[in-house]
Amino acid sequence: MILNMQQRLQSISPTVRKVTAKEAAKECAKNNGTVIDVREPSECETSPSTANINIPRGVLEMKVVEQFKNPDHPFYIHCASGVRAQLAAEQLLKMGYTTVNAITCDIKTIEHINFAE
């Protein structure tokens, strides 16, 4: 059976924690977490955010392992709508990272949050 996107999102493990951009910024300030923007570089140019780094969803699994060796490092994943963020967060949990959060706000809300504070 092929799942449509809504069905796929409903099948994501409940262990994927969903947060707002404000919650993510507040937590990052306390736990030294990393905000990862999983949008494509062209999307980031059009609608920039203050995420720590951009790692497109298509290469996330390969790139994150190169940069983050600690499985307990806190991650906050965002995209344009929250869909790719949830899929990416689920994948990082499957890879063995333990503190992964999906920011489910749309990009217009995320653009107004300063994650660098």
PDB file of N, CA and C in Angstrom:
ATOM      1  N   MET A   1       0.834  -1.185   0.000  1.00  0.00           N
ATOM      2  CA  MET A   1       0.000   0.000   0.000  1.00  0.00           C
ATOM      3  C   MET A   1       0.886   1.258   0.000  1.00  0.00           C
ATOM      4  N   ILE A   2       0.603   2.162  -0.870  1.00  0.00           N
ATOM      5  CA  ILE A   2       1.318   3.424  -0.937  1.00  0.00           C
ATOM      6  C   ILE A   2       0.615   4.425  -0.036  1.00  0.00           C
ATOM      7  N   LEU A   3       1.398   5.097   0.810  1.00  0.00           N
ATOM      8  CA  LEU A   3       0.846   6.095   1.719  1.00  0.00           C
ATOM      9  C   LEU A   3       0.933   7.481   1.094  1.00  0.00           C
ATOM     10  N   ASN A   4      -0.134   8.265   1.225  1.00  0.00           N
ATOM     11  CA  ASN A   4      -0.023   9.658   0.818  1.00  0.00           C
ATOM     12  C   ASN A   4       0.701  10.410   1.942  1.00  0.00           C
ATOM     13  N   MET A   5       1.016  11.669   1.729  1.00  0.00           N
ATOM     14  CA  MET A   5       1.823  12.400   2.705  1.00  0.00           C
ATOM     15  C   MET A   5       1.125  12.506   4.060  1.00  0.00           C
ATOM     16  N   GLN A   6      -0.160  12.720   4.080  1.00  0.00           N
ATOM     17  CA  GLN A   6      -0.887  12.807   5.352  1.00  0.00           C
ATOM     18  C   GLN A   6      -0.787  11.481   6.113  1.00  0.00           C
ATOM     19  N   GLN A   7      -0.962  10.382   5.418  1.00  0.00           N
ATOM     20  CA  GLN A   7      -0.859   9.066   6.053  1.00  0.00           C
ATOM     21  C   GLN A   7       0.569   8.821   6.540  1.00  0.00           C
ATOM     22  N   ARG A   8       1.543   9.242   5.743  1.00  0.00           N
ATOM     23  CA  ARG A   8       2.943   9.064   6.138  1.00  0.00           C
ATOM     24  C   ARG A   8       3.252   9.850   7.404  1.00  0.00           C
ATOM     25  N   LEU A   9       2.778  11.090   7.480  1.00  0.00           N
ATOM     26  CA  LEU A   9       3.006  11.898   8.675  1.00  0.00           C
ATOM     27  C   LEU A   9       2.332  11.286   9.903  1.00  0.00           C
ATOM     28  N   GLN A  10       1.152  10.719   9.694  1.00  0.00           N
ATOM     29  CA  GLN A  10       0.449  10.067  10.798  1.00  0.00           C
ATOM     30  C   GLN A  10       1.188   8.818  11.275  1.00  0.00           C
ATOM     31  N   SER A  11       1.996   8.234  10.408  1.00  0.00           N
ATOM     32  CA  SER A  11       2.718   7.019  10.774  1.00  0.00           C
ATOM     33  C   SER A  11       4.054   7.299  11.463  1.00  0.00           C
ATOM     34  N   ILE A  12       4.442   8.580  11.557  1.00  0.00           N
ATOM     35  CA  ILE A  12       5.702   8.929  12.217  1.00  0.00           C
ATOM     36  C   ILE A  12       5.606   8.562  13.683  1.00  0.00           C
ATOM     37  N   SER A  13       6.666   8.006  14.167  1.00  0.00           N
ATOM     38  CA  SER A  13       6.734   7.566  15.558  1.00  0.00           C
ATOM     39  C   SER A  13       6.371   8.699  16.510  1.00  0.00           C
ATOM     40  N   PRO A  14       5.611   8.385  17.551  1.00  0.00           N
ATOM     41  CA  PRO A  14       5.273   9.421  18.535  1.00  0.00           C
ATOM     42  C   PRO A  14       6.492   9.922  19.308  1.00  0.00           C
ATOM     43  N   THR A  15       7.633   9.275  19.142  1.00  0.00           N
ATOM     44  CA  THR A  15       8.836   9.741  19.827  1.00  0.00           C
ATOM     45  C   THR A  15       9.415  10.993  19.180  1.00  0.00           C
ATOM     46  N   VAL A  16       8.939  11.369  17.989  1.00  0.00           N
ATOM     47  CA  VAL A  16       9.375  12.619  17.371  1.00  0.00           C
ATOM     48  C   VAL A  16       8.650  13.753  18.093  1.00  0.00           C
ATOM     49  N   ARG A  17       9.417  14.518  18.833  1.00  0.00           N
ATOM     50  CA  ARG A  17       8.848  15.630  19.600  1.00  0.00           C
ATOM     51  C   ARG A  17       8.666  16.827  18.678  1.00  0.00           C
ATOM     52  N   LYS A  18       7.488  17.427  18.737  1.00  0.00           N
ATOM     53  CA  LYS A  18       7.179  18.595  17.918  1.00  0.00           C
ATOM     54  C   LYS A  18       7.196  19.831  18.814  1.00  0.00           C
ATOM     55  N   VAL A  19       7.848  20.881  18.336  1.00  0.00           N
ATOM     56  CA  VAL A  19       7.952  22.126  19.091  1.00  0.00           C
ATOM     57  C   VAL A  19       7.690  23.309  18.172  1.00  0.00           C
ATOM     58  N   THR A  20       7.371  24.434  18.786  1.00  0.00           N
ATOM     59  CA  THR A  20       7.252  25.674  18.024  1.00  0.00           C
ATOM     60  C   THR A  20       8.643  26.285  17.877  1.00  0.00           C
ATOM     61  N   ALA A  21       8.754  27.251  17.010  1.00  0.00           N
ATOM     62  CA  ALA A  21      10.036  27.928  16.826  1.00  0.00           C
ATOM     63  C   ALA A  21      10.449  28.658  18.104  1.00  0.00           C
ATOM     64  N   LYS A  22       9.503  29.252  18.803  1.00  0.00           N
ATOM     65  CA  LYS A  22       9.820  29.948  20.055  1.00  0.00           C
ATOM     66  C   LYS A  22      10.331  28.970  21.107  1.00  0.00           C
ATOM     67  N   GLU A  23       9.698  27.821  21.209  1.00  0.00           N
ATOM     68  CA  GLU A  23      10.157  26.800  22.154  1.00  0.00           C
ATOM     69  C   GLU A  23      11.567  26.342  21.810  1.00  0.00           C
ATOM     70  N   ALA A  24      11.815  26.126  20.524  1.00  0.00           N
ATOM     71  CA  ALA A  24      13.139  25.680  20.075  1.00  0.00           C
ATOM     72  C   ALA A  24      14.209  26.709  20.417  1.00  0.00           C
ATOM     73  N   ALA A  25      13.939  27.972  20.164  1.00  0.00           N
ATOM     74  CA  ALA A  25      14.915  29.025  20.450  1.00  0.00           C
ATOM     75  C   ALA A  25      15.216  29.093  21.946  1.00  0.00           C
ATOM     76  N   LYS A  26      14.190  28.996  22.740  1.00  0.00           N
ATOM     77  CA  LYS A  26      14.353  29.043  24.196  1.00  0.00           C
ATOM     78  C   LYS A  26      15.187  27.853  24.689  1.00  0.00           C
ATOM     79  N   GLU A  27      14.875  26.672  24.193  1.00  0.00           N
ATOM     80  CA  GLU A  27      15.601  25.472  24.605  1.00  0.00           C
ATOM     81  C   GLU A  27      17.044  25.500  24.125  1.00  0.00           C
ATOM     82  N   CYS A  28      17.271  25.958  22.904  1.00  0.00           N
ATOM     83  CA  CYS A  28      18.639  26.029  22.363  1.00  0.00           C
ATOM     84  C   CYS A  28      19.524  26.931  23.214  1.00  0.00           C
ATOM     85  N   ALA A  29      18.943  28.005  23.709  1.00  0.00           N
ATOM     86  CA  ALA A  29      19.711  28.923  24.550  1.00  0.00           C
ATOM     87  C   ALA A  29      20.161  28.227  25.836  1.00  0.00           C
ATOM     88  N   LYS A  30      19.383  27.279  26.302  1.00  0.00           N
ATOM     89  CA  LYS A  30      19.709  26.565  27.545  1.00  0.00           C
ATOM     90  C   LYS A  30      20.582  25.340  27.312  1.00  0.00           C
ATOM     91  N   ASN A  31      20.333  24.600  26.231  1.00  0.00           N
ATOM     92  CA  ASN A  31      21.014  23.311  26.071  1.00  0.00           C
ATOM     93  C   ASN A  31      22.074  23.294  24.969  1.00  0.00           C
ATOM     94  N   ASN A  32      22.375  24.457  24.404  1.00  0.00           N
ATOM     95  CA  ASN A  32      23.388  24.563  23.347  1.00  0.00           C
ATOM     96  C   ASN A  32      23.058  23.654  22.153  1.00  0.00           C
ATOM     97  N   GLY A  33      21.774  23.566  21.838  1.00  0.00           N
ATOM     98  CA  GLY A  33      21.325  22.743  20.724  1.00  0.00           C
ATOM     99  C   GLY A  33      21.665  23.356  19.382  1.00  0.00           C
ATOM    100  N   THR A  34      21.445  22.582  18.349  1.00  0.00           N
ATOM    101  CA  THR A  34      21.709  23.015  16.981  1.00  0.00           C
ATOM    102  C   THR A  34      20.409  23.005  16.197  1.00  0.00           C
ATOM    103  N   VAL A  35      20.138  24.118  15.529  1.00  0.00           N
ATOM    104  CA  VAL A  35      18.983  24.209  14.653  1.00  0.00           C
ATOM    105  C   VAL A  35      19.460  23.885  13.245  1.00  0.00           C
ATOM    106  N   ILE A  36      18.821  22.898  12.642  1.00  0.00           N
ATOM    107  CA  ILE A  36      19.172  22.496  11.281  1.00  0.00           C
ATOM    108  C   ILE A  36      18.007  22.805  10.356  1.00  0.00           C
ATOM    109  N   ASP A  37      18.290  23.574   9.342  1.00  0.00           N
ATOM    110  CA  ASP A  37      17.320  23.909   8.300  1.00  0.00           C
ATOM    111  C   ASP A  37      17.496  22.863   7.198  1.00  0.00           C
ATOM    112  N   VAL A  38      16.473  22.044   6.959  1.00  0.00           N
ATOM    113  CA  VAL A  38      16.597  20.965   5.973  1.00  0.00           C
ATOM    114  C   VAL A  38      16.038  21.350   4.598  1.00  0.00           C
ATOM    115  N   ARG A  39      15.793  22.649   4.394  1.00  0.00           N
ATOM    116  CA  ARG A  39      15.347  23.100   3.078  1.00  0.00           C
ATOM    117  C   ARG A  39      16.509  23.094   2.092  1.00  0.00           C
ATOM    118  N   GLU A  40      16.182  23.187   0.835  1.00  0.00           N
ATOM    119  CA  GLU A  40      17.192  23.276  -0.217  1.00  0.00           C
ATOM    120  C   GLU A  40      17.856  24.658  -0.151  1.00  0.00           C
ATOM    121  N   PRO A  41      19.124  24.770  -0.564  1.00  0.00           N
ATOM    122  CA  PRO A  41      19.813  26.065  -0.519  1.00  0.00           C
ATOM    123  C   PRO A  41      19.054  27.191  -1.227  1.00  0.00           C
ATOM    124  N   SER A  42      18.411  26.894  -2.331  1.00  0.00           N
ATOM    125  CA  SER A  42      17.660  27.936  -3.043  1.00  0.00           C
ATOM    126  C   SER A  42      16.493  28.451  -2.208  1.00  0.00           C
ATOM    127  N   GLU A  43      15.873  27.583  -1.436  1.00  0.00           N
ATOM    128  CA  GLU A  43      14.792  28.013  -0.539  1.00  0.00           C
ATOM    129  C   GLU A  43      15.339  28.919   0.559  1.00  0.00           C
ATOM    130  N   CYS A  44      16.521  28.589   1.061  1.00  0.00           N
ATOM    131  CA  CYS A  44      17.144  29.390   2.118  1.00  0.00           C
ATOM    132  C   CYS A  44      17.493  30.783   1.626  1.00  0.00           C
ATOM    133  N   GLU A  45      17.892  30.879   0.372  1.00  0.00           N
ATOM    134  CA  GLU A  45      18.205  32.188  -0.202  1.00  0.00           C
ATOM    135  C   GLU A  45      16.953  33.046  -0.319  1.00  0.00           C
ATOM    136  N   THR A  46      15.850  32.425  -0.713  1.00  0.00           N
ATOM    137  CA  THR A  46      14.589  33.147  -0.886  1.00  0.00           C
ATOM    138  C   THR A  46      13.975  33.569   0.444  1.00  0.00           C
ATOM    139  N   SER A  47      14.012  32.673   1.419  1.00  0.00           N
ATOM    140  CA  SER A  47      13.429  32.927   2.741  1.00  0.00           C
ATOM    141  C   SER A  47      14.440  32.517   3.810  1.00  0.00           C
ATOM    142  N   PRO A  48      15.398  33.379   4.117  1.00  0.00           N
ATOM    143  CA  PRO A  48      16.440  33.010   5.073  1.00  0.00           C
ATOM    144  C   PRO A  48      15.910  32.869   6.500  1.00  0.00           C
ATOM    145  N   SER A  49      16.568  32.021   7.266  1.00  0.00           N
ATOM    146  CA  SER A  49      16.272  31.882   8.685  1.00  0.00           C
ATOM    147  C   SER A  49      17.583  32.006   9.448  1.00  0.00           C
ATOM    148  N   THR A  50      17.492  32.057  10.754  1.00  0.00           N
ATOM    149  CA  THR A  50      18.703  32.166  11.565  1.00  0.00           C
ATOM    150  C   THR A  50      19.131  30.804  12.106  1.00  0.00           C
ATOM    151  N   ALA A  51      18.763  29.739  11.402  1.00  0.00           N
ATOM    152  CA  ALA A  51      19.178  28.398  11.813  1.00  0.00           C
ATOM    153  C   ALA A  51      20.700  28.334  11.868  1.00  0.00           C
ATOM    154  N   ASN A  52      21.208  27.498  12.770  1.00  0.00           N
ATOM    155  CA  ASN A  52      22.652  27.342  12.887  1.00  0.00           C
ATOM    156  C   ASN A  52      23.277  26.881  11.578  1.00  0.00           C
ATOM    157  N   ILE A  53      22.665  25.855  10.946  1.00  0.00           N
ATOM    158  CA  ILE A  53      23.225  25.316   9.710  1.00  0.00           C
ATOM    159  C   ILE A  53      22.116  24.871   8.763  1.00  0.00           C
ATOM    160  N   ASN A  54      22.477  24.809   7.495  1.00  0.00           N
ATOM    161  CA  ASN A  54      21.580  24.275   6.478  1.00  0.00           C
ATOM    162  C   ASN A  54      22.160  22.958   5.988  1.00  0.00           C
ATOM    163  N   ILE A  55      21.402  21.897   6.183  1.00  0.00           N
ATOM    164  CA  ILE A  55      21.745  20.594   5.612  1.00  0.00           C
ATOM    165  C   ILE A  55      20.484  20.110   4.902  1.00  0.00           C
ATOM    166  N   PRO A  56      20.448  20.161   3.580  1.00  0.00           N
ATOM    167  CA  PRO A  56      19.241  19.746   2.867  1.00  0.00           C
ATOM    168  C   PRO A  56      18.818  18.320   3.230  1.00  0.00           C
ATOM    169  N   ARG A  57      17.525  18.112   3.243  1.00  0.00           N
ATOM    170  CA  ARG A  57      16.948  16.822   3.623  1.00  0.00           C
ATOM    171  C   ARG A  57      17.564  15.668   2.841  1.00  0.00           C
ATOM    172  N   GLY A  58      17.860  15.877   1.596  1.00  0.00           N
ATOM    173  CA  GLY A  58      18.381  14.812   0.747  1.00  0.00           C
ATOM    174  C   GLY A  58      19.751  14.284   1.139  1.00  0.00           C
ATOM    175  N   VAL A  59      20.519  15.073   1.900  1.00  0.00           N
ATOM    176  CA  VAL A  59      21.863  14.638   2.302  1.00  0.00           C
ATOM    177  C   VAL A  59      22.035  14.635   3.826  1.00  0.00           C
ATOM    178  N   LEU A  60      20.960  14.801   4.538  1.00  0.00           N
ATOM    179  CA  LEU A  60      21.021  14.931   5.990  1.00  0.00           C
ATOM    180  C   LEU A  60      21.732  13.761   6.662  1.00  0.00           C
ATOM    181  N   GLU A  61      21.339  12.550   6.331  1.00  0.00           N
ATOM    182  CA  GLU A  61      21.900  11.377   6.999  1.00  0.00           C
ATOM    183  C   GLU A  61      23.411  11.291   6.823  1.00  0.00           C
ATOM    184  N   MET A  62      23.910  11.673   5.670  1.00  0.00           N
ATOM    185  CA  MET A  62      25.347  11.617   5.414  1.00  0.00           C
ATOM    186  C   MET A  62      26.089  12.757   6.104  1.00  0.00           C
ATOM    187  N   LYS A  63      25.552  13.942   6.040  1.00  0.00           N
ATOM    188  CA  LYS A  63      26.248  15.124   6.550  1.00  0.00           C
ATOM    189  C   LYS A  63      26.209  15.229   8.073  1.00  0.00           C
ATOM    190  N   VAL A  64      25.108  14.859   8.688  1.00  0.00           N
ATOM    191  CA  VAL A  64      24.995  15.032  10.141  1.00  0.00           C
ATOM    192  C   VAL A  64      25.982  14.140  10.878  1.00  0.00           C
ATOM    193  N   VAL A  65      26.211  12.948  10.367  1.00  0.00           N
ATOM    194  CA  VAL A  65      27.158  12.018  10.997  1.00  0.00           C
ATOM    195  C   VAL A  65      28.582  12.572  10.940  1.00  0.00           C
ATOM    196  N   GLU A  66      28.907  13.295   9.871  1.00  0.00           N
ATOM    197  CA  GLU A  66      30.237  13.896   9.740  1.00  0.00           C
ATOM    198  C   GLU A  66      30.463  14.986  10.789  1.00  0.00           C
ATOM    199  N   GLN A  67      29.412  15.733  11.109  1.00  0.00           N
ATOM    200  CA  GLN A  67      29.552  16.902  11.971  1.00  0.00           C
ATOM    201  C   GLN A  67      29.215  16.661  13.434  1.00  0.00           C
ATOM    202  N   PHE A  68      28.391  15.654  13.716  1.00  0.00           N
ATOM    203  CA  PHE A  68      27.916  15.448  15.085  1.00  0.00           C
ATOM    204  C   PHE A  68      28.127  14.002  15.515  1.00  0.00           C
ATOM    205  N   LYS A  69      29.110  13.800  16.360  1.00  0.00           N
ATOM    206  CA  LYS A  69      29.449  12.451  16.822  1.00  0.00           C
ATOM    207  C   LYS A  69      28.713  12.073  18.106  1.00  0.00           C
ATOM    208  N   ASN A  70      28.258  13.068  18.870  1.00  0.00           N
ATOM    209  CA  ASN A  70      27.576  12.820  20.140  1.00  0.00           C
ATOM    210  C   ASN A  70      26.107  12.487  19.884  1.00  0.00           C
ATOM    211  N   PRO A  71      25.666  11.269  20.194  1.00  0.00           N
ATOM    212  CA  PRO A  71      24.281  10.898  19.925  1.00  0.00           C
ATOM    213  C   PRO A  71      23.261  11.649  20.785  1.00  0.00           C
ATOM    214  N   ASP A  72      23.736  12.297  21.858  1.00  0.00           N
ATOM    215  CA  ASP A  72      22.826  13.023  22.751  1.00  0.00           C
ATOM    216  C   ASP A  72      22.759  14.518  22.457  1.00  0.00           C
ATOM    217  N   HIS A  73      23.447  14.968  21.419  1.00  0.00           N
ATOM    218  CA  HIS A  73      23.406  16.396  21.069  1.00  0.00           C
ATOM    219  C   HIS A  73      21.973  16.782  20.699  1.00  0.00           C
ATOM    220  N   PRO A  74      21.460  17.889  21.253  1.00  0.00           N
ATOM    221  CA  PRO A  74      20.092  18.309  20.931  1.00  0.00           C
ATOM    222  C   PRO A  74      19.985  18.940  19.538  1.00  0.00           C
ATOM    223  N   PHE A  75      19.026  18.453  18.769  1.00  0.00           N
ATOM    224  CA  PHE A  75      18.754  18.976  17.440  1.00  0.00           C
ATOM    225  C   PHE A  75      17.334  19.525  17.370  1.00  0.00           C
ATOM    226  N   TYR A  76      17.185  20.599  16.615  1.00  0.00           N
ATOM    227  CA  TYR A  76      15.884  21.202  16.317  1.00  0.00           C
ATOM    228  C   TYR A  76      15.846  21.350  14.800  1.00  0.00           C
ATOM    229  N   ILE A  77      14.978  20.603  14.155  1.00  0.00           N
ATOM    230  CA  ILE A  77      14.952  20.523  12.701  1.00  0.00           C
ATOM    231  C   ILE A  77      13.789  21.362  12.171  1.00  0.00           C
ATOM    232  N   HIS A  78      14.062  22.171  11.154  1.00  0.00           N
ATOM    233  CA  HIS A  78      12.961  22.910  10.533  1.00  0.00           C
ATOM    234  C   HIS A  78      13.069  22.910   9.020  1.00  0.00           C
ATOM    235  N   CYS A  79      11.942  23.203   8.391  1.00  0.00           N
ATOM    236  CA  CYS A  79      11.847  23.320   6.936  1.00  0.00           C
ATOM    237  C   CYS A  79      10.875  24.450   6.642  1.00  0.00           C
ATOM    238  N   ALA A  80      10.179  24.395   5.542  1.00  0.00           N
ATOM    239  CA  ALA A  80       9.246  25.461   5.185  1.00  0.00           C
ATOM    240  C   ALA A  80       7.869  25.289   5.828  1.00  0.00           C
ATOM    241  N   SER A  81       7.480  24.047   6.063  1.00  0.00           N
ATOM    242  CA  SER A  81       6.118  23.808   6.576  1.00  0.00           C
ATOM    243  C   SER A  81       6.057  22.868   7.773  1.00  0.00           C
ATOM    244  N   GLY A  82       7.128  22.172   8.054  1.00  0.00           N
ATOM    245  CA  GLY A  82       7.142  21.200   9.137  1.00  0.00           C
ATOM    246  C   GLY A  82       7.114  19.756   8.666  1.00  0.00           C
ATOM    247  N   VAL A  83       6.783  19.524   7.404  1.00  0.00           N
ATOM    248  CA  VAL A  83       6.682  18.162   6.879  1.00  0.00           C
ATOM    249  C   VAL A  83       8.058  17.511   6.798  1.00  0.00           C
ATOM    250  N   ARG A  84       8.989  18.137   6.072  1.00  0.00           N
ATOM    251  CA  ARG A  84      10.338  17.572   5.963  1.00  0.00           C
ATOM    252  C   ARG A  84      11.029  17.517   7.316  1.00  0.00           C
ATOM    253  N   ALA A  85      10.722  18.490   8.182  1.00  0.00           N
ATOM    254  CA  ALA A  85      11.319  18.499   9.518  1.00  0.00           C
ATOM    255  C   ALA A  85      10.927  17.246  10.294  1.00  0.00           C
ATOM    256  N   GLN A  86       9.663  16.866  10.213  1.00  0.00           N
ATOM    257  CA  GLN A  86       9.213  15.668  10.920  1.00  0.00           C
ATOM    258  C   GLN A  86       9.846  14.406  10.346  1.00  0.00           C
ATOM    259  N   LEU A  87       9.915  14.321   9.032  1.00  0.00           N
ATOM    260  CA  LEU A  87      10.542  13.160   8.385  1.00  0.00           C
ATOM    261  C   LEU A  87      12.030  13.084   8.729  1.00  0.00           C
ATOM    262  N   ALA A  88      12.689  14.228   8.724  1.00  0.00           N
ATOM    263  CA  ALA A  88      14.117  14.271   9.045  1.00  0.00           C
ATOM    264  C   ALA A  88      14.362  13.907  10.509  1.00  0.00           C
ATOM    265  N   ALA A  89      13.531  14.430  11.397  1.00  0.00           N
ATOM    266  CA  ALA A  89      13.674  14.120  12.823  1.00  0.00           C
ATOM    267  C   ALA A  89      13.495  12.630  13.071  1.00  0.00           C
ATOM    268  N   GLU A  90      12.515  12.045  12.423  1.00  0.00           N
ATOM    269  CA  GLU A  90      12.290  10.606  12.570  1.00  0.00           C
ATOM    270  C   GLU A  90      13.530   9.826  12.119  1.00  0.00           C
ATOM    271  N   GLN A  91      14.136  10.243  11.019  1.00  0.00           N
ATOM    272  CA  GLN A  91      15.298   9.544  10.494  1.00  0.00           C
ATOM    273  C   GLN A  91      16.491   9.663  11.441  1.00  0.00           C
ATOM    274  N   LEU A  92      16.699  10.843  12.015  1.00  0.00           N
ATOM    275  CA  LEU A  92      17.814  11.017  12.949  1.00  0.00           C
ATOM    276  C   LEU A  92      17.624  10.153  14.196  1.00  0.00           C
ATOM    277  N   LEU A  93      16.392  10.021  14.658  1.00  0.00           N
ATOM    278  CA  LEU A  93      16.119   9.131  15.793  1.00  0.00           C
ATOM    279  C   LEU A  93      16.439   7.683  15.428  1.00  0.00           C
ATOM    280  N   LYS A  94      16.062   7.273  14.229  1.00  0.00           N
ATOM    281  CA  LYS A  94      16.363   5.913  13.772  1.00  0.00           C
ATOM    282  C   LYS A  94      17.864   5.674  13.661  1.00  0.00           C
ATOM    283  N   MET A  95      18.618   6.742  13.394  1.00  0.00           N
ATOM    284  CA  MET A  95      20.070   6.627  13.272  1.00  0.00           C
ATOM    285  C   MET A  95      20.756   6.527  14.634  1.00  0.00           C
ATOM    286  N   GLY A  96      20.027   6.819  15.710  1.00  0.00           N
ATOM    287  CA  GLY A  96      20.604   6.703  17.044  1.00  0.00           C
ATOM    288  C   GLY A  96      20.756   8.004  17.806  1.00  0.00           C
ATOM    289  N   TYR A  97      20.418   9.124  17.198  1.00  0.00           N
ATOM    290  CA  TYR A  97      20.428  10.392  17.938  1.00  0.00           C
ATOM    291  C   TYR A  97      19.239  10.383  18.891  1.00  0.00           C
ATOM    292  N   THR A  98      19.432  10.920  20.085  1.00  0.00           N
ATOM    293  CA  THR A  98      18.409  10.762  21.126  1.00  0.00           C
ATOM    294  C   THR A  98      17.579  11.998  21.419  1.00  0.00           C
ATOM    295  N   THR A  99      18.083  13.176  21.075  1.00  0.00           N
ATOM    296  CA  THR A  99      17.386  14.415  21.419  1.00  0.00           C
ATOM    297  C   THR A  99      17.094  15.190  20.142  1.00  0.00           C
ATOM    298  N   VAL A 100      16.055  14.763  19.451  1.00  0.00           N
ATOM    299  CA  VAL A 100      15.722  15.334  18.148  1.00  0.00           C
ATOM    300  C   VAL A 100      14.301  15.889  18.214  1.00  0.00           C
ATOM    301  N   ASN A 101      14.152  17.124  17.763  1.00  0.00           N
ATOM    302  CA  ASN A 101      12.864  17.819  17.794  1.00  0.00           C
ATOM    303  C   ASN A 101      12.540  18.362  16.413  1.00  0.00           C
ATOM    304  N   ALA A 102      11.276  18.316  16.053  1.00  0.00           N
ATOM    305  CA  ALA A 102      10.821  18.878  14.778  1.00  0.00           C
ATOM    306  C   ALA A 102      10.090  20.184  15.048  1.00  0.00           C
ATOM    307  N   ILE A 103      10.545  21.239  14.410  1.00  0.00           N
ATOM    308  CA  ILE A 103       9.857  22.530  14.505  1.00  0.00           C
ATOM    309  C   ILE A 103       8.756  22.508  13.451  1.00  0.00           C
ATOM    310  N   THR A 104       7.526  22.636  13.890  1.00  0.00           N
ATOM    311  CA  THR A 104       6.403  22.439  12.972  1.00  0.00           C
ATOM    312  C   THR A 104       5.744  23.736  12.516  1.00  0.00           C
ATOM    313  N   CYS A 105       6.352  24.880  12.811  1.00  0.00           N
ATOM    314  CA  CYS A 105       5.815  26.160  12.337  1.00  0.00           C
ATOM    315  C   CYS A 105       6.124  26.335  10.858  1.00  0.00           C
ATOM    316  N   ASP A 106       5.380  27.219  10.214  1.00  0.00           N
ATOM    317  CA  ASP A 106       5.709  27.522   8.822  1.00  0.00           C
ATOM    318  C   ASP A 106       6.898  28.480   8.772  1.00  0.00           C
ATOM    319  N   ILE A 107       7.487  28.623   7.610  1.00  0.00           N
ATOM    320  CA  ILE A 107       8.725  29.390   7.465  1.00  0.00           C
ATOM    321  C   ILE A 107       8.529  30.863   7.811  1.00  0.00           C
ATOM    322  N   LYS A 108       7.369  31.418   7.573  1.00  0.00           N
ATOM    323  CA  LYS A 108       7.126  32.835   7.902  1.00  0.00           C
ATOM    324  C   LYS A 108       7.261  33.061   9.404  1.00  0.00           C
ATOM    325  N   THR A 109       6.817  32.111  10.206  1.00  0.00           N
ATOM    326  CA  THR A 109       6.960  32.212  11.662  1.00  0.00           C
ATOM    327  C   THR A 109       8.421  32.014  12.052  1.00  0.00           C
ATOM    328  N   ILE A 110       9.073  31.055  11.439  1.00  0.00           N
ATOM    329  CA  ILE A 110      10.465  30.738  11.767  1.00  0.00           C
ATOM    330  C   ILE A 110      11.389  31.900  11.420  1.00  0.00           C
ATOM    331  N   GLU A 111      11.115  32.602  10.323  1.00  0.00           N
ATOM    332  CA  GLU A 111      11.959  33.704   9.890  1.00  0.00           C
ATOM    333  C   GLU A 111      12.079  34.791  10.957  1.00  0.00           C
ATOM    334  N   HIS A 112      11.091  34.903  11.824  1.00  0.00           N
ATOM    335  CA  HIS A 112      11.067  35.968  12.826  1.00  0.00           C
ATOM    336  C   HIS A 112      11.684  35.554  14.169  1.00  0.00           C
ATOM    337  N   ILE A 113      12.207  34.355  14.234  1.00  0.00           N
ATOM    338  CA  ILE A 113      12.797  33.851  15.471  1.00  0.00           C
ATOM    339  C   ILE A 113      14.319  33.918  15.365  1.00  0.00           C
ATOM    340  N   ASN A 114      14.942  34.432  16.405  1.00  0.00           N
ATOM    341  CA  ASN A 114      16.399  34.487  16.438  1.00  0.00           C
ATOM    342  C   ASN A 114      16.917  33.295  17.249  1.00  0.00           C
ATOM    343  N   PHE A 115      17.392  32.278  16.556  1.00  0.00           N
ATOM    344  CA  PHE A 115      17.912  31.092  17.229  1.00  0.00           C
ATOM    345  C   PHE A 115      19.316  31.329  17.766  1.00  0.00           C
ATOM    346  N   ALA A 116      19.950  32.417  17.374  1.00  0.00           N
ATOM    347  CA  ALA A 116      21.327  32.680  17.763  1.00  0.00           C
ATOM    348  C   ALA A 116      21.438  33.300  19.160  1.00  0.00           C
ATOM    349  N   GLU A 117      20.334  33.704  19.754  1.00  0.00           N
ATOM    350  CA  GLU A 117      20.389  34.370  21.073  1.00  0.00           C
ATOM    351  C   GLU A 117      20.782  33.413  22.166  1.00  0.00           C
TER     352      GLU A 117
END
